[in-house]
Amino acid sequence: MNTHFMSLVLGLAHQAEQAIEGKLPPAAGQEPRQAARMLIDTLGMLEQKTAGRLDADEQKLLTDALTALRLRYVQTEPK
């Protein structure tokens, strides 16, 4: 597994998790959940753009991170 790719995915996933928990300050004029959504969407775009070009471990890391973040995002949605 490419360590740069792993660092990128884990770094973005960590930031998204922090944003979901409200621990990441949003950009000016941005709702806190918008930052989380934007980071999750960035990982989704990375998945689309690298489709078919990742090794099995890299694909699993990215897929697992996205699945967990999307589930967490939906579970924490305000009612």
PDB file of N, CA and C in Angstrom:
ATOM      1  N   MET A   1       0.852  -1.181   0.000  1.00  0.00           N
ATOM      2  CA  MET A   1       0.000   0.000   0.000  1.00  0.00           C
ATOM      3  C   MET A   1       0.891   1.235   0.000  1.00  0.00           C
ATOM      4  N   ASN A   2       0.540   2.180  -0.810  1.00  0.00           N
ATOM      5  CA  ASN A   2       1.267   3.438  -0.886  1.00  0.00           C
ATOM      6  C   ASN A   2       1.001   4.241   0.383  1.00  0.00           C
ATOM      7  N   THR A   3       2.050   4.587   1.106  1.00  0.00           N
ATOM      8  CA  THR A   3       1.871   5.298   2.383  1.00  0.00           C
ATOM      9  C   THR A   3       1.326   6.700   2.192  1.00  0.00           C
ATOM     10  N   HIS A   4       1.624   7.342   1.078  1.00  0.00           N
ATOM     11  CA  HIS A   4       1.077   8.682   0.817  1.00  0.00           C
ATOM     12  C   HIS A   4      -0.436   8.614   0.613  1.00  0.00           C
ATOM     13  N   PHE A   5      -0.870   7.603  -0.116  1.00  0.00           N
ATOM     14  CA  PHE A   5      -2.309   7.415  -0.334  1.00  0.00           C
ATOM     15  C   PHE A   5      -3.004   7.119   0.990  1.00  0.00           C
ATOM     16  N   MET A   6      -2.400   6.240   1.782  1.00  0.00           N
ATOM     17  CA  MET A   6      -2.969   5.894   3.078  1.00  0.00           C
ATOM     18  C   MET A   6      -3.065   7.143   3.971  1.00  0.00           C
ATOM     19  N   SER A   7      -2.037   7.954   3.992  1.00  0.00           N
ATOM     20  CA  SER A   7      -2.055   9.174   4.803  1.00  0.00           C
ATOM     21  C   SER A   7      -3.133  10.140   4.327  1.00  0.00           C
ATOM     22  N   LEU A   8      -3.300  10.251   3.022  1.00  0.00           N
ATOM     23  CA  LEU A   8      -4.315  11.139   2.473  1.00  0.00           C
ATOM     24  C   LEU A   8      -5.711  10.691   2.895  1.00  0.00           C
ATOM     25  N   VAL A   9      -6.004   9.421   2.695  1.00  0.00           N
ATOM     26  CA  VAL A   9      -7.333   8.893   3.031  1.00  0.00           C
ATOM     27  C   VAL A   9      -7.596   9.010   4.528  1.00  0.00           C
ATOM     28  N   LEU A  10      -6.637   8.582   5.338  1.00  0.00           N
ATOM     29  CA  LEU A  10      -6.837   8.634   6.787  1.00  0.00           C
ATOM     30  C   LEU A  10      -6.923  10.071   7.296  1.00  0.00           C
ATOM     31  N   GLY A  11      -6.157  10.961   6.720  1.00  0.00           N
ATOM     32  CA  GLY A  11      -6.215  12.366   7.122  1.00  0.00           C
ATOM     33  C   GLY A  11      -7.561  12.997   6.808  1.00  0.00           C
ATOM     34  N   LEU A  12      -8.059  12.777   5.603  1.00  0.00           N
ATOM     35  CA  LEU A  12      -9.370  13.312   5.224  1.00  0.00           C
ATOM     36  C   LEU A  12     -10.483  12.675   6.058  1.00  0.00           C
ATOM     37  N   ALA A  13     -10.360  11.382   6.298  1.00  0.00           N
ATOM     38  CA  ALA A  13     -11.374  10.689   7.101  1.00  0.00           C
ATOM     39  C   ALA A  13     -11.382  11.226   8.536  1.00  0.00           C
ATOM     40  N   HIS A  14     -10.210  11.469   9.084  1.00  0.00           N
ATOM     41  CA  HIS A  14     -10.124  12.008  10.444  1.00  0.00           C
ATOM     42  C   HIS A  14     -10.745  13.409  10.513  1.00  0.00           C
ATOM     43  N   GLN A  15     -10.448  14.233   9.538  1.00  0.00           N
ATOM     44  CA  GLN A  15     -11.035  15.577   9.505  1.00  0.00           C
ATOM     45  C   GLN A  15     -12.552  15.504   9.382  1.00  0.00           C
ATOM     46  N   ALA A  16     -13.041  14.600   8.554  1.00  0.00           N
ATOM     47  CA  ALA A  16     -14.492  14.450   8.396  1.00  0.00           C
ATOM     48  C   ALA A  16     -15.131  14.011   9.702  1.00  0.00           C
ATOM     49  N   GLU A  17     -14.503  13.079  10.390  1.00  0.00           N
ATOM     50  CA  GLU A  17     -15.019  12.616  11.679  1.00  0.00           C
ATOM     51  C   GLU A  17     -15.036  13.764  12.694  1.00  0.00           C
ATOM     52  N   GLN A  18     -13.997  14.550  12.704  1.00  0.00           N
ATOM     53  CA  GLN A  18     -13.944  15.698  13.609  1.00  0.00           C
ATOM     54  C   GLN A  18     -15.056  16.704  13.271  1.00  0.00           C
ATOM     55  N   ALA A  19     -15.299  16.909  11.996  1.00  0.00           N
ATOM     56  CA  ALA A  19     -16.363  17.820  11.574  1.00  0.00           C
ATOM     57  C   ALA A  19     -17.736  17.282  11.967  1.00  0.00           C
ATOM     58  N   ILE A  20     -17.949  15.988  11.828  1.00  0.00           N
ATOM     59  CA  ILE A  20     -19.217  15.365  12.222  1.00  0.00           C
ATOM     60  C   ILE A  20     -19.458  15.579  13.709  1.00  0.00           C
ATOM     61  N   GLU A  21     -18.392  15.463  14.497  1.00  0.00           N
ATOM     62  CA  GLU A  21     -18.499  15.631  15.947  1.00  0.00           C
ATOM     63  C   GLU A  21     -18.543  17.092  16.378  1.00  0.00           C
ATOM     64  N   GLY A  22     -18.406  18.014  15.425  1.00  0.00           N
ATOM     65  CA  GLY A  22     -18.437  19.439  15.742  1.00  0.00           C
ATOM     66  C   GLY A  22     -17.134  19.956  16.317  1.00  0.00           C
ATOM     67  N   LYS A  23     -16.057  19.216  16.149  1.00  0.00           N
ATOM     68  CA  LYS A  23     -14.763  19.609  16.697  1.00  0.00           C
ATOM     69  C   LYS A  23     -13.858  20.294  15.675  1.00  0.00           C
ATOM     70  N   LEU A  24     -14.315  20.396  14.436  1.00  0.00           N
ATOM     71  CA  LEU A  24     -13.545  21.049  13.390  1.00  0.00           C
ATOM     72  C   LEU A  24     -14.241  22.354  13.052  1.00  0.00           C
ATOM     73  N   PRO A  25     -13.583  23.484  13.267  1.00  0.00           N
ATOM     74  CA  PRO A  25     -14.249  24.747  12.971  1.00  0.00           C
ATOM     75  C   PRO A  25     -14.565  24.863  11.475  1.00  0.00           C
ATOM     76  N   PRO A  26     -15.791  25.191  11.134  1.00  0.00           N
ATOM     77  CA  PRO A  26     -16.157  25.325   9.720  1.00  0.00           C
ATOM     78  C   PRO A  26     -15.555  26.596   9.121  1.00  0.00           C
ATOM     79  N   ALA A  27     -15.493  26.640   7.817  1.00  0.00           N
ATOM     80  CA  ALA A  27     -15.039  27.841   7.121  1.00  0.00           C
ATOM     81  C   ALA A  27     -16.064  28.949   7.330  1.00  0.00           C
ATOM     82  N   ALA A  28     -15.651  30.164   7.112  1.00  0.00           N
ATOM     83  CA  ALA A  28     -16.539  31.311   7.304  1.00  0.00           C
ATOM     84  C   ALA A  28     -17.814  31.148   6.488  1.00  0.00           C
ATOM     85  N   GLY A  29     -18.950  31.322   7.140  1.00  0.00           N
ATOM     86  CA  GLY A  29     -20.244  31.233   6.481  1.00  0.00           C
ATOM     87  C   GLY A  29     -20.692  29.817   6.182  1.00  0.00           C
ATOM     88  N   GLN A  30     -20.019  28.847   6.749  1.00  0.00           N
ATOM     89  CA  GLN A  30     -20.340  27.444   6.479  1.00  0.00           C
ATOM     90  C   GLN A  30     -20.932  26.801   7.728  1.00  0.00           C
ATOM     91  N   GLU A  31     -21.948  25.991   7.532  1.00  0.00           N
ATOM     92  CA  GLU A  31     -22.518  25.222   8.633  1.00  0.00           C
ATOM     93  C   GLU A  31     -21.528  24.120   9.017  1.00  0.00           C
ATOM     94  N   PRO A  32     -21.476  23.727  10.300  1.00  0.00           N
ATOM     95  CA  PRO A  32     -20.529  22.688  10.707  1.00  0.00           C
ATOM     96  C   PRO A  32     -20.659  21.386   9.923  1.00  0.00           C
ATOM     97  N   ARG A  33     -21.869  20.973   9.621  1.00  0.00           N
ATOM     98  CA  ARG A  33     -22.050  19.715   8.887  1.00  0.00           C
ATOM     99  C   ARG A  33     -21.635  19.839   7.423  1.00  0.00           C
ATOM    100  N   GLN A  34     -21.594  21.058   6.897  1.00  0.00           N
ATOM    101  CA  GLN A  34     -21.164  21.240   5.506  1.00  0.00           C
ATOM    102  C   GLN A  34     -19.704  20.833   5.334  1.00  0.00           C
ATOM    103  N   ALA A  35     -18.889  21.109   6.330  1.00  0.00           N
ATOM    104  CA  ALA A  35     -17.474  20.726   6.262  1.00  0.00           C
ATOM    105  C   ALA A  35     -17.353  19.208   6.199  1.00  0.00           C
ATOM    106  N   ALA A  36     -18.123  18.515   7.011  1.00  0.00           N
ATOM    107  CA  ALA A  36     -18.106  17.052   6.995  1.00  0.00           C
ATOM    108  C   ALA A  36     -18.557  16.527   5.637  1.00  0.00           C
ATOM    109  N   ARG A  37     -19.637  17.071   5.126  1.00  0.00           N
ATOM    110  CA  ARG A  37     -20.160  16.633   3.828  1.00  0.00           C
ATOM    111  C   ARG A  37     -19.138  16.858   2.723  1.00  0.00           C
ATOM    112  N   MET A  38     -18.463  17.997   2.757  1.00  0.00           N
ATOM    113  CA  MET A  38     -17.482  18.319   1.733  1.00  0.00           C
ATOM    114  C   MET A  38     -16.291  17.353   1.786  1.00  0.00           C
ATOM    115  N   LEU A  39     -15.842  17.006   2.983  1.00  0.00           N
ATOM    116  CA  LEU A  39     -14.738  16.060   3.123  1.00  0.00           C
ATOM    117  C   LEU A  39     -15.144  14.651   2.673  1.00  0.00           C
ATOM    118  N   ILE A  40     -16.352  14.242   3.018  1.00  0.00           N
ATOM    119  CA  ILE A  40     -16.849  12.933   2.575  1.00  0.00           C
ATOM    120  C   ILE A  40     -16.986  12.913   1.057  1.00  0.00           C
ATOM    121  N   ASP A  41     -17.485  13.991   0.498  1.00  0.00           N
ATOM    122  CA  ASP A  41     -17.609  14.074  -0.962  1.00  0.00           C
ATOM    123  C   ASP A  41     -16.235  14.045  -1.642  1.00  0.00           C
ATOM    124  N   THR A  42     -15.240  14.640  -1.010  1.00  0.00           N
ATOM    125  CA  THR A  42     -13.883  14.619  -1.557  1.00  0.00           C
ATOM    126  C   THR A  42     -13.351  13.188  -1.600  1.00  0.00           C
ATOM    127  N   LEU A  43     -13.577  12.432  -0.535  1.00  0.00           N
ATOM    128  CA  LEU A  43     -13.175  11.026  -0.537  1.00  0.00           C
ATOM    129  C   LEU A  43     -13.947  10.234  -1.594  1.00  0.00           C
ATOM    130  N   GLY A  44     -15.222  10.546  -1.777  1.00  0.00           N
ATOM    131  CA  GLY A  44     -16.020   9.892  -2.812  1.00  0.00           C
ATOM    132  C   GLY A  44     -15.487  10.187  -4.200  1.00  0.00           C
ATOM    133  N   MET A  45     -15.080  11.430  -4.432  1.00  0.00           N
ATOM    134  CA  MET A  45     -14.506  11.807  -5.711  1.00  0.00           C
ATOM    135  C   MET A  45     -13.186  11.086  -5.933  1.00  0.00           C
ATOM    136  N   LEU A  46     -12.391  10.962  -4.868  1.00  0.00           N
ATOM    137  CA  LEU A  46     -11.132  10.233  -4.957  1.00  0.00           C
ATOM    138  C   LEU A  46     -11.383   8.772  -5.333  1.00  0.00           C
ATOM    139  N   GLU A  47     -12.436   8.194  -4.764  1.00  0.00           N
ATOM    140  CA  GLU A  47     -12.792   6.814  -5.094  1.00  0.00           C
ATOM    141  C   GLU A  47     -13.150   6.691  -6.573  1.00  0.00           C
ATOM    142  N   GLN A  48     -13.930   7.632  -7.074  1.00  0.00           N
ATOM    143  CA  GLN A  48     -14.330   7.589  -8.489  1.00  0.00           C
ATOM    144  C   GLN A  48     -13.131   7.759  -9.419  1.00  0.00           C
ATOM    145  N   LYS A  49     -12.273   8.694  -9.088  1.00  0.00           N
ATOM    146  CA  LYS A  49     -11.148   9.018  -9.964  1.00  0.00           C
ATOM    147  C   LYS A  49     -10.054   7.947  -9.961  1.00  0.00           C
ATOM    148  N   THR A  50     -10.014   7.131  -8.910  1.00  0.00           N
ATOM    149  CA  THR A  50      -8.983   6.096  -8.836  1.00  0.00           C
ATOM    150  C   THR A  50      -9.540   4.697  -9.112  1.00  0.00           C
ATOM    151  N   ALA A  51     -10.788   4.619  -9.514  1.00  0.00           N
ATOM    152  CA  ALA A  51     -11.429   3.320  -9.759  1.00  0.00           C
ATOM    153  C   ALA A  51     -10.603   2.488 -10.733  1.00  0.00           C
ATOM    154  N   GLY A  52     -10.310   1.260 -10.317  1.00  0.00           N
ATOM    155  CA  GLY A  52      -9.560   0.342 -11.161  1.00  0.00           C
ATOM    156  C   GLY A  52      -8.055   0.527 -11.119  1.00  0.00           C
ATOM    157  N   ARG A  53      -7.577   1.520 -10.357  1.00  0.00           N
ATOM    158  CA  ARG A  53      -6.139   1.791 -10.319  1.00  0.00           C
ATOM    159  C   ARG A  53      -5.533   1.603  -8.930  1.00  0.00           C
ATOM    160  N   LEU A  54      -6.321   1.133  -7.975  1.00  0.00           N
ATOM    161  CA  LEU A  54      -5.820   0.923  -6.623  1.00  0.00           C
ATOM    162  C   LEU A  54      -5.570  -0.561  -6.387  1.00  0.00           C
ATOM    163  N   ASP A  55      -4.603  -0.839  -5.502  1.00  0.00           N
ATOM    164  CA  ASP A  55      -4.450  -2.245  -5.137  1.00  0.00           C
ATOM    165  C   ASP A  55      -5.559  -2.595  -4.138  1.00  0.00           C
ATOM    166  N   ALA A  56      -5.687  -3.862  -3.823  1.00  0.00           N
ATOM    167  CA  ALA A  56      -6.810  -4.332  -2.997  1.00  0.00           C
ATOM    168  C   ALA A  56      -6.836  -3.660  -1.628  1.00  0.00           C
ATOM    169  N   ASP A  57      -5.669  -3.491  -1.004  1.00  0.00           N
ATOM    170  CA  ASP A  57      -5.614  -2.864   0.322  1.00  0.00           C
ATOM    171  C   ASP A  57      -6.017  -1.390   0.266  1.00  0.00           C
ATOM    172  N   GLU A  58      -5.568  -0.685  -0.758  1.00  0.00           N
ATOM    173  CA  GLU A  58      -5.923   0.730  -0.908  1.00  0.00           C
ATOM    174  C   GLU A  58      -7.427   0.880  -1.142  1.00  0.00           C
ATOM    175  N   GLN A  59      -7.980   0.026  -2.000  1.00  0.00           N
ATOM    176  CA  GLN A  59      -9.417   0.083  -2.276  1.00  0.00           C
ATOM    177  C   GLN A  59     -10.225  -0.208  -1.028  1.00  0.00           C
ATOM    178  N   LYS A  60      -9.805  -1.194  -0.250  1.00  0.00           N
ATOM    179  CA  LYS A  60     -10.511  -1.540   0.981  1.00  0.00           C
ATOM    180  C   LYS A  60     -10.450  -0.390   1.982  1.00  0.00           C
ATOM    181  N   LEU A  61      -9.289   0.240   2.131  1.00  0.00           N
ATOM    182  CA  LEU A  61      -9.140   1.371   3.040  1.00  0.00           C
ATOM    183  C   LEU A  61     -10.101   2.492   2.662  1.00  0.00           C
ATOM    184  N   LEU A  62     -10.133   2.837   1.396  1.00  0.00           N
ATOM    185  CA  LEU A  62     -10.988   3.923   0.931  1.00  0.00           C
ATOM    186  C   LEU A  62     -12.465   3.572   1.062  1.00  0.00           C
ATOM    187  N   THR A  63     -12.835   2.371   0.660  1.00  0.00           N
ATOM    188  CA  THR A  63     -14.229   1.939   0.752  1.00  0.00           C
ATOM    189  C   THR A  63     -14.693   1.876   2.198  1.00  0.00           C
ATOM    190  N   ASP A  64     -13.878   1.319   3.063  1.00  0.00           N
ATOM    191  CA  ASP A  64     -14.242   1.213   4.483  1.00  0.00           C
ATOM    192  C   ASP A  64     -14.378   2.590   5.127  1.00  0.00           C
ATOM    193  N   ALA A  65     -13.453   3.485   4.807  1.00  0.00           N
ATOM    194  CA  ALA A  65     -13.514   4.840   5.370  1.00  0.00           C
ATOM    195  C   ALA A  65     -14.790   5.543   4.917  1.00  0.00           C
ATOM    196  N   LEU A  66     -15.096   5.451   3.635  1.00  0.00           N
ATOM    197  CA  LEU A  66     -16.309   6.101   3.117  1.00  0.00           C
ATOM    198  C   LEU A  66     -17.580   5.508   3.712  1.00  0.00           C
ATOM    199  N   THR A  67     -17.639   4.205   3.807  1.00  0.00           N
ATOM    200  CA  THR A  67     -18.817   3.549   4.371  1.00  0.00           C
ATOM    201  C   THR A  67     -19.045   3.994   5.808  1.00  0.00           C
ATOM    202  N   ALA A  68     -17.993   3.977   6.606  1.00  0.00           N
ATOM    203  CA  ALA A  68     -18.106   4.369   8.014  1.00  0.00           C
ATOM    204  C   ALA A  68     -18.505   5.836   8.158  1.00  0.00           C
ATOM    205  N   LEU A  69     -17.895   6.709   7.362  1.00  0.00           N
ATOM    206  CA  LEU A  69     -18.199   8.138   7.466  1.00  0.00           C
ATOM    207  C   LEU A  69     -19.628   8.443   7.010  1.00  0.00           C
ATOM    208  N   ARG A  70     -20.047   7.823   5.925  1.00  0.00           N
ATOM    209  CA  ARG A  70     -21.413   8.078   5.436  1.00  0.00           C
ATOM    210  C   ARG A  70     -22.452   7.606   6.447  1.00  0.00           C
ATOM    211  N   LEU A  71     -22.215   6.451   7.053  1.00  0.00           N
ATOM    212  CA  LEU A  71     -23.126   5.940   8.066  1.00  0.00           C
ATOM    213  C   LEU A  71     -23.147   6.869   9.276  1.00  0.00           C
ATOM    214  N   ARG A  72     -21.992   7.274   9.739  1.00  0.00           N
ATOM    215  CA  ARG A  72     -21.896   8.173  10.899  1.00  0.00           C
ATOM    216  C   ARG A  72     -22.573   9.507  10.608  1.00  0.00           C
ATOM    217  N   TYR A  73     -22.386  10.027   9.405  1.00  0.00           N
ATOM    218  CA  TYR A  73     -22.978  11.303   9.005  1.00  0.00           C
ATOM    219  C   TYR A  73     -24.513  11.220   9.081  1.00  0.00           C
ATOM    220  N   VAL A  74     -25.062  10.144   8.546  1.00  0.00           N
ATOM    221  CA  VAL A  74     -26.518   9.964   8.551  1.00  0.00           C
ATOM    222  C   VAL A  74     -27.036   9.752   9.964  1.00  0.00           C
ATOM    223  N   GLN A  75     -26.310   8.984  10.763  1.00  0.00           N
ATOM    224  CA  GLN A  75     -26.743   8.706  12.138  1.00  0.00           C
ATOM    225  C   GLN A  75     -26.758   9.958  13.004  1.00  0.00           C
ATOM    226  N   THR A  76     -25.913  10.922  12.705  1.00  0.00           N
ATOM    227  CA  THR A  76     -25.822  12.132  13.525  1.00  0.00           C
ATOM    228  C   THR A  76     -26.615  13.303  12.938  1.00  0.00           C
ATOM    229  N   GLU A  77     -27.385  13.025  11.911  1.00  0.00           N
ATOM    230  CA  GLU A  77     -28.183  14.088  11.287  1.00  0.00           C
ATOM    231  C   GLU A  77     -29.207  14.617  12.294  1.00  0.00           C
ATOM    232  N   PRO A  78     -29.268  15.954  12.409  1.00  0.00           N
ATOM    233  CA  PRO A  78     -30.245  16.534  13.349  1.00  0.00           C
ATOM    234  C   PRO A  78     -31.668  16.183  12.938  1.00  0.00           C
ATOM    235  N   LYS A  79     -32.491  15.959  13.919  1.00  0.00           N
ATOM    236  CA  LYS A  79     -33.886  15.575  13.665  1.00  0.00           C
ATOM    237  C   LYS A  79     -34.755  16.797  13.558  1.00  0.00           C
TER     238      LYS A  79
END
